[in-house]
Amino acid sequence: YIRSWLCTDDVYGAIEGNAAGSTNQVELTATLANGQPTPLPPLAEQKRIVAKVDELMALCDALEAQLTTSQSESQQLLEACLNEAIA
């Protein structure tokens, strides 16, 4: 989001107009970046984004738990097969 916003003509033009670089390239310094007003979505949209991220993180946690269980079961099966082959 921020990268896209920084690349807009208005913002890039403002940064380019105030920037100085020794290699003829625009250098975005912390001072220039901090001086740019950054647009934020409305509070309701921010809350919707946070809720969606929380929902997705819960799904990631569940998937990670399933993966851990699956790996443990695979290890147990492998050990049982090896023990059976040895016996």
C-alpha atoms as a PDB file:
ATOM      1  CA  TYR A   1       0.000   0.000   0.000  1.00  0.00           C
ATOM      2  CA  ILE A   2       2.675   2.484   1.058  1.00  0.00           C
ATOM      3  CA  ARG A   3       4.913   1.548  -1.872  1.00  0.00           C
ATOM      4  CA  SER A   4       2.058   2.120  -4.323  1.00  0.00           C
ATOM      5  CA  TRP A   5       1.212   5.421  -2.673  1.00  0.00           C
ATOM      6  CA  LEU A   6       4.861   6.548  -2.767  1.00  0.00           C
ATOM      7  CA  CYS A   7       4.945   5.821  -6.500  1.00  0.00           C
ATOM      8  CA  THR A   8       2.006   8.082  -7.326  1.00  0.00           C
ATOM      9  CA  ASP A   9       2.913  11.091  -9.444  1.00  0.00           C
ATOM     10  CA  ASP A  10       2.036  13.616  -6.735  1.00  0.00           C
ATOM     11  CA  VAL A  11       4.034  11.999  -3.947  1.00  0.00           C
ATOM     12  CA  TYR A  12       6.950  10.974  -6.133  1.00  0.00           C
ATOM     13  CA  GLY A  13       7.077  14.458  -7.610  1.00  0.00           C
ATOM     14  CA  ALA A  14       7.139  16.057  -4.150  1.00  0.00           C
ATOM     15  CA  ILE A  15       9.902  13.714  -3.005  1.00  0.00           C
ATOM     16  CA  GLU A  16      11.861  14.162  -6.221  1.00  0.00           C
ATOM     17  CA  GLY A  17      11.624  17.929  -5.921  1.00  0.00           C
ATOM     18  CA  ASN A  18      13.125  17.869  -2.423  1.00  0.00           C
ATOM     19  CA  ALA A  19      15.581  15.006  -2.864  1.00  0.00           C
ATOM     20  CA  ALA A  20      19.232  15.241  -3.616  1.00  0.00           C
ATOM     21  CA  GLY A  21      21.447  12.388  -4.649  1.00  0.00           C
ATOM     22  CA  SER A  22      25.087  12.169  -5.524  1.00  0.00           C
ATOM     23  CA  THR A  23      24.429   9.603  -8.266  1.00  0.00           C
ATOM     24  CA  ASN A  24      21.677  11.519 -10.083  1.00  0.00           C
ATOM     25  CA  GLN A  25      19.124   9.201  -8.500  1.00  0.00           C
ATOM     26  CA  VAL A  26      16.318  10.169  -6.180  1.00  0.00           C
ATOM     27  CA  GLU A  27      17.250   9.113  -2.676  1.00  0.00           C
ATOM     28  CA  LEU A  28      14.384   8.722  -0.254  1.00  0.00           C
ATOM     29  CA  THR A  29      15.752   9.647   3.138  1.00  0.00           C
ATOM     30  CA  ALA A  30      13.988   9.044   6.428  1.00  0.00           C
ATOM     31  CA  THR A  31      13.497  12.799   6.800  1.00  0.00           C
ATOM     32  CA  LEU A  32      11.769  13.045   3.412  1.00  0.00           C
ATOM     33  CA  ALA A  33       9.632   9.977   4.087  1.00  0.00           C
ATOM     34  CA  ASN A  34       8.624  11.185   7.541  1.00  0.00           C
ATOM     35  CA  GLY A  35       7.684  14.554   6.088  1.00  0.00           C
ATOM     36  CA  GLN A  36       5.062  13.090   3.763  1.00  0.00           C
ATOM     37  CA  PRO A  37       1.508  12.982   5.093  1.00  0.00           C
ATOM     38  CA  THR A  38       0.412   9.356   4.788  1.00  0.00           C
ATOM     39  CA  PRO A  39      -3.214   8.618   3.931  1.00  0.00           C
ATOM     40  CA  LEU A  40      -4.985   6.006   6.025  1.00  0.00           C
ATOM     41  CA  PRO A  41      -8.229   4.214   5.289  1.00  0.00           C
ATOM     42  CA  PRO A  42     -11.228   5.181   7.417  1.00  0.00           C
ATOM     43  CA  LEU A  43     -11.331   3.646  10.896  1.00  0.00           C
ATOM     44  CA  ALA A  44     -14.130   1.239   9.940  1.00  0.00           C
ATOM     45  CA  GLU A  45     -12.007  -0.067   7.047  1.00  0.00           C
ATOM     46  CA  GLN A  46      -8.963  -0.414   9.316  1.00  0.00           C
ATOM     47  CA  LYS A  47     -11.071  -2.484  11.734  1.00  0.00           C
ATOM     48  CA  ARG A  48     -12.340  -4.646   8.848  1.00  0.00           C
ATOM     49  CA  ILE A  49      -8.748  -5.239   7.714  1.00  0.00           C
ATOM     50  CA  VAL A  50      -7.648  -6.175  11.242  1.00  0.00           C
ATOM     51  CA  ALA A  51     -10.608  -8.559  11.608  1.00  0.00           C
ATOM     52  CA  LYS A  52      -9.753 -10.230   8.291  1.00  0.00           C
ATOM     53  CA  VAL A  53      -6.078 -10.553   9.229  1.00  0.00           C
ATOM     54  CA  ASP A  54      -7.092 -12.072  12.587  1.00  0.00           C
ATOM     55  CA  GLU A  55      -9.372 -14.534  10.767  1.00  0.00           C
ATOM     56  CA  LEU A  56      -6.600 -15.520   8.365  1.00  0.00           C
ATOM     57  CA  MET A  57      -4.057 -15.867  11.168  1.00  0.00           C
ATOM     58  CA  ALA A  58      -6.449 -18.220  12.989  1.00  0.00           C
ATOM     59  CA  LEU A  59      -6.629 -20.323   9.812  1.00  0.00           C
ATOM     60  CA  CYS A  60      -2.825 -20.309   9.597  1.00  0.00           C
ATOM     61  CA  ASP A  61      -2.603 -21.446  13.232  1.00  0.00           C
ATOM     62  CA  ALA A  62      -5.073 -24.267  12.560  1.00  0.00           C
ATOM     63  CA  LEU A  63      -3.139 -25.325   9.459  1.00  0.00           C
ATOM     64  CA  GLU A  64       0.119 -25.290  11.391  1.00  0.00           C
ATOM     65  CA  ALA A  65      -1.441 -27.460  14.114  1.00  0.00           C
ATOM     66  CA  GLN A  66      -2.709 -29.914  11.479  1.00  0.00           C
ATOM     67  CA  LEU A  67       0.723 -30.037   9.882  1.00  0.00           C
ATOM     68  CA  THR A  68       2.375 -30.717  13.233  1.00  0.00           C
ATOM     69  CA  THR A  69      -0.120 -33.503  13.957  1.00  0.00           C
ATOM     70  CA  SER A  70       0.371 -34.986  10.502  1.00  0.00           C
ATOM     71  CA  GLN A  71       4.155 -34.940  10.869  1.00  0.00           C
ATOM     72  CA  SER A  72       3.918 -36.584  14.279  1.00  0.00           C
ATOM     73  CA  GLU A  73       1.588 -39.285  12.955  1.00  0.00           C
ATOM     74  CA  SER A  74       3.891 -39.880   9.977  1.00  0.00           C
ATOM     75  CA  GLN A  75       6.856 -40.261  12.319  1.00  0.00           C
ATOM     76  CA  GLN A  76       4.928 -42.725  14.492  1.00  0.00           C
ATOM     77  CA  LEU A  77       3.897 -44.729  11.424  1.00  0.00           C
ATOM     78  CA  LEU A  78       7.480 -44.817  10.163  1.00  0.00           C
ATOM     79  CA  GLU A  79       8.757 -45.994  13.540  1.00  0.00           C
ATOM     80  CA  ALA A  80       6.046 -48.688  13.724  1.00  0.00           C
ATOM     81  CA  CYS A  81       6.951 -49.920  10.223  1.00  0.00           C
ATOM     82  CA  LEU A  82      10.637 -50.015  11.081  1.00  0.00           C
ATOM     83  CA  ASN A  83       9.964 -51.864  14.336  1.00  0.00           C
ATOM     84  CA  GLU A  84       7.772 -54.353  12.454  1.00  0.00           C
ATOM     85  CA  ALA A  85      10.463 -54.901   9.838  1.00  0.00           C
ATOM     86  CA  ILE A  86      13.099 -55.499  12.514  1.00  0.00           C
ATOM     87  CA  ALA A  87      10.932 -57.927  14.502  1.00  0.00           C
END
